[in-house]
Amino acid sequence: ALARAWALHPEVLFLDEPTASLDPSATREIESVIKAFDAAGTKVVMATHNLGQARRLGDEILFINQGRLVERAPVEQFFSKPQSAQAAAFIKGELPWT
């Protein structure tokens, strides 16, 4: 699917958990392709629960909780100084009770 997208040279590429259930080697390959899209000028919008992947690939984080945008920040700011309690809890790996 990524190869077909590459052939079309899209302005924006939407990805939903692109490496879910892949082994580390395949994950590295997919991340390399995603970085190539970014380097070629394609805006990549990606949904992921993988915090490490968000740090490696992200420029900006949009944190969505229960369908609402809770926080929007540059990647380093999001991980070092989250502005919302929900984002801080997610980064710490805490599970909400409600």
C-alpha atoms as a PDB file:
ATOM      1  CA  ALA A   1       0.000   0.000   0.000  1.00  0.00           C
ATOM      2  CA  LEU A   2       2.858   2.404   0.774  1.00  0.00           C
ATOM      3  CA  ALA A   3       4.467   1.622  -2.579  1.00  0.00           C
ATOM      4  CA  ARG A   4       1.240   2.561  -4.386  1.00  0.00           C
ATOM      5  CA  ALA A   5       1.072   5.794  -2.397  1.00  0.00           C
ATOM      6  CA  TRP A   6       4.720   6.568  -3.242  1.00  0.00           C
ATOM      7  CA  ALA A   7       3.946   6.277  -6.950  1.00  0.00           C
ATOM      8  CA  LEU A   8       1.214   8.926  -6.614  1.00  0.00           C
ATOM      9  CA  HIS A   9       3.426  11.470  -4.774  1.00  0.00           C
ATOM     10  CA  PRO A  10       0.633  12.609  -2.436  1.00  0.00           C
ATOM     11  CA  GLU A  11       0.715  15.950  -0.632  1.00  0.00           C
ATOM     12  CA  VAL A  12      -0.685  14.301   2.513  1.00  0.00           C
ATOM     13  CA  LEU A  13      -0.490  10.664   3.600  1.00  0.00           C
ATOM     14  CA  PHE A  14      -2.772   9.355   6.363  1.00  0.00           C
ATOM     15  CA  LEU A  15      -1.569   6.264   8.240  1.00  0.00           C
ATOM     16  CA  ASP A  16      -3.371   4.350  10.990  1.00  0.00           C
ATOM     17  CA  GLU A  17      -1.013   2.261  13.152  1.00  0.00           C
ATOM     18  CA  PRO A  18       1.190   1.418  10.127  1.00  0.00           C
ATOM     19  CA  THR A  19       3.465  -0.968  12.043  1.00  0.00           C
ATOM     20  CA  ALA A  20       0.924  -2.685  14.300  1.00  0.00           C
ATOM     21  CA  SER A  21       1.784  -6.373  14.795  1.00  0.00           C
ATOM     22  CA  LEU A  22       5.028  -6.149  12.809  1.00  0.00           C
ATOM     23  CA  ASP A  23       8.363  -7.460  14.054  1.00  0.00           C
ATOM     24  CA  PRO A  24      11.169  -4.955  14.781  1.00  0.00           C
ATOM     25  CA  SER A  25      12.871  -5.491  11.422  1.00  0.00           C
ATOM     26  CA  ALA A  26       9.696  -4.843   9.435  1.00  0.00           C
ATOM     27  CA  THR A  27       8.907  -1.865  11.674  1.00  0.00           C
ATOM     28  CA  ARG A  28      12.302  -0.315  10.854  1.00  0.00           C
ATOM     29  CA  GLU A  29      11.633  -0.789   7.139  1.00  0.00           C
ATOM     30  CA  ILE A  30       8.213   0.854   7.317  1.00  0.00           C
ATOM     31  CA  GLU A  31       9.580   3.719   9.419  1.00  0.00           C
ATOM     32  CA  SER A  32      12.306   4.222   6.820  1.00  0.00           C
ATOM     33  CA  VAL A  33       9.665   4.508   4.098  1.00  0.00           C
ATOM     34  CA  ILE A  34       7.663   6.976   6.214  1.00  0.00           C
ATOM     35  CA  LYS A  35      10.806   9.093   6.692  1.00  0.00           C
ATOM     36  CA  ALA A  36      11.364   9.034   2.925  1.00  0.00           C
ATOM     37  CA  PHE A  37       7.833  10.362   2.343  1.00  0.00           C
ATOM     38  CA  ASP A  38       8.536  13.162   4.821  1.00  0.00           C
ATOM     39  CA  ALA A  39      11.886  13.980   3.198  1.00  0.00           C
ATOM     40  CA  ALA A  40      10.163  14.151  -0.194  1.00  0.00           C
ATOM     41  CA  GLY A  41       7.776  16.802   1.114  1.00  0.00           C
ATOM     42  CA  THR A  42       4.722  14.672   1.827  1.00  0.00           C
ATOM     43  CA  LYS A  43       2.914  15.640   5.036  1.00  0.00           C
ATOM     44  CA  VAL A  44       2.445  12.428   7.034  1.00  0.00           C
ATOM     45  CA  VAL A  45      -0.451  12.261   9.491  1.00  0.00           C
ATOM     46  CA  MET A  46      -0.186   9.091  11.557  1.00  0.00           C
ATOM     47  CA  ALA A  47      -2.247   7.584  14.356  1.00  0.00           C
ATOM     48  CA  THR A  48      -0.170   5.540  16.794  1.00  0.00           C
ATOM     49  CA  HIS A  49      -0.200   4.378  20.397  1.00  0.00           C
ATOM     50  CA  ASN A  50       3.532   3.647  20.164  1.00  0.00           C
ATOM     51  CA  LEU A  51       5.263   6.431  22.091  1.00  0.00           C
ATOM     52  CA  GLY A  52       8.720   5.505  20.822  1.00  0.00           C
ATOM     53  CA  GLN A  53       7.527   5.634  17.254  1.00  0.00           C
ATOM     54  CA  ALA A  54       5.858   8.997  17.837  1.00  0.00           C
ATOM     55  CA  ARG A  55       9.168  10.354  19.173  1.00  0.00           C
ATOM     56  CA  ARG A  56      11.179   8.914  16.271  1.00  0.00           C
ATOM     57  CA  LEU A  57       8.892  10.032  13.470  1.00  0.00           C
ATOM     58  CA  GLY A  58       6.888  12.954  14.780  1.00  0.00           C
ATOM     59  CA  ASP A  59       7.385  16.666  14.382  1.00  0.00           C
ATOM     60  CA  GLU A  60       4.150  17.584  16.091  1.00  0.00           C
ATOM     61  CA  ILE A  61       1.845  15.590  18.373  1.00  0.00           C
ATOM     62  CA  LEU A  62      -1.917  15.901  18.382  1.00  0.00           C
ATOM     63  CA  PHE A  63      -3.101  14.036  21.475  1.00  0.00           C
ATOM     64  CA  ILE A  64      -6.695  12.868  21.114  1.00  0.00           C
ATOM     65  CA  ASN A  65      -8.623  11.358  24.021  1.00  0.00           C
ATOM     66  CA  GLN A  66     -12.199  10.098  23.688  1.00  0.00           C
ATOM     67  CA  GLY A  67     -12.525  11.754  20.285  1.00  0.00           C
ATOM     68  CA  ARG A  68     -11.428  15.200  21.474  1.00  0.00           C
ATOM     69  CA  LEU A  69      -8.217  17.063  20.732  1.00  0.00           C
ATOM     70  CA  VAL A  70      -6.676  17.502  24.178  1.00  0.00           C
ATOM     71  CA  GLU A  71      -3.240  18.791  23.293  1.00  0.00           C
ATOM     72  CA  ARG A  72      -1.180  19.914  20.295  1.00  0.00           C
ATOM     73  CA  ALA A  73       2.548  20.490  20.681  1.00  0.00           C
ATOM     74  CA  PRO A  74       5.953  19.979  19.065  1.00  0.00           C
ATOM     75  CA  VAL A  75       7.157  16.448  19.772  1.00  0.00           C
ATOM     76  CA  GLU A  76       9.866  17.360  22.291  1.00  0.00           C
ATOM     77  CA  GLN A  77       7.599  19.725  24.202  1.00  0.00           C
ATOM     78  CA  PHE A  78       4.818  17.131  24.311  1.00  0.00           C
ATOM     79  CA  PHE A  79       7.070  14.486  25.841  1.00  0.00           C
ATOM     80  CA  SER A  80       9.036  16.766  28.172  1.00  0.00           C
ATOM     81  CA  LYS A  81       6.310  19.157  29.356  1.00  0.00           C
ATOM     82  CA  PRO A  82       2.818  17.885  28.560  1.00  0.00           C
ATOM     83  CA  GLN A  83       0.201  20.564  29.170  1.00  0.00           C
ATOM     84  CA  SER A  84      -2.729  18.287  30.041  1.00  0.00           C
ATOM     85  CA  ALA A  85      -3.216  15.752  32.809  1.00  0.00           C
ATOM     86  CA  GLN A  86      -4.470  13.199  30.267  1.00  0.00           C
ATOM     87  CA  ALA A  87      -1.340  13.484  28.127  1.00  0.00           C
ATOM     88  CA  ALA A  88       0.934  13.306  31.168  1.00  0.00           C
ATOM     89  CA  ALA A  89      -0.846  10.157  32.376  1.00  0.00           C
ATOM     90  CA  PHE A  90      -0.618   8.546  28.923  1.00  0.00           C
ATOM     91  CA  ILE A  91       3.100   9.267  28.667  1.00  0.00           C
ATOM     92  CA  LYS A  92       3.628   7.713  32.116  1.00  0.00           C
ATOM     93  CA  GLY A  93       1.681   4.630  31.035  1.00  0.00           C
ATOM     94  CA  GLU A  94      -1.135   5.196  33.495  1.00  0.00           C
ATOM     95  CA  LEU A  95      -4.544   3.826  32.631  1.00  0.00           C
ATOM     96  CA  PRO A  96      -7.527   6.060  33.382  1.00  0.00           C
ATOM     97  CA  TRP A  97     -10.344   4.697  35.518  1.00  0.00           C
ATOM     98  CA  THR A  98     -13.043   6.592  33.663  1.00  0.00           C
END
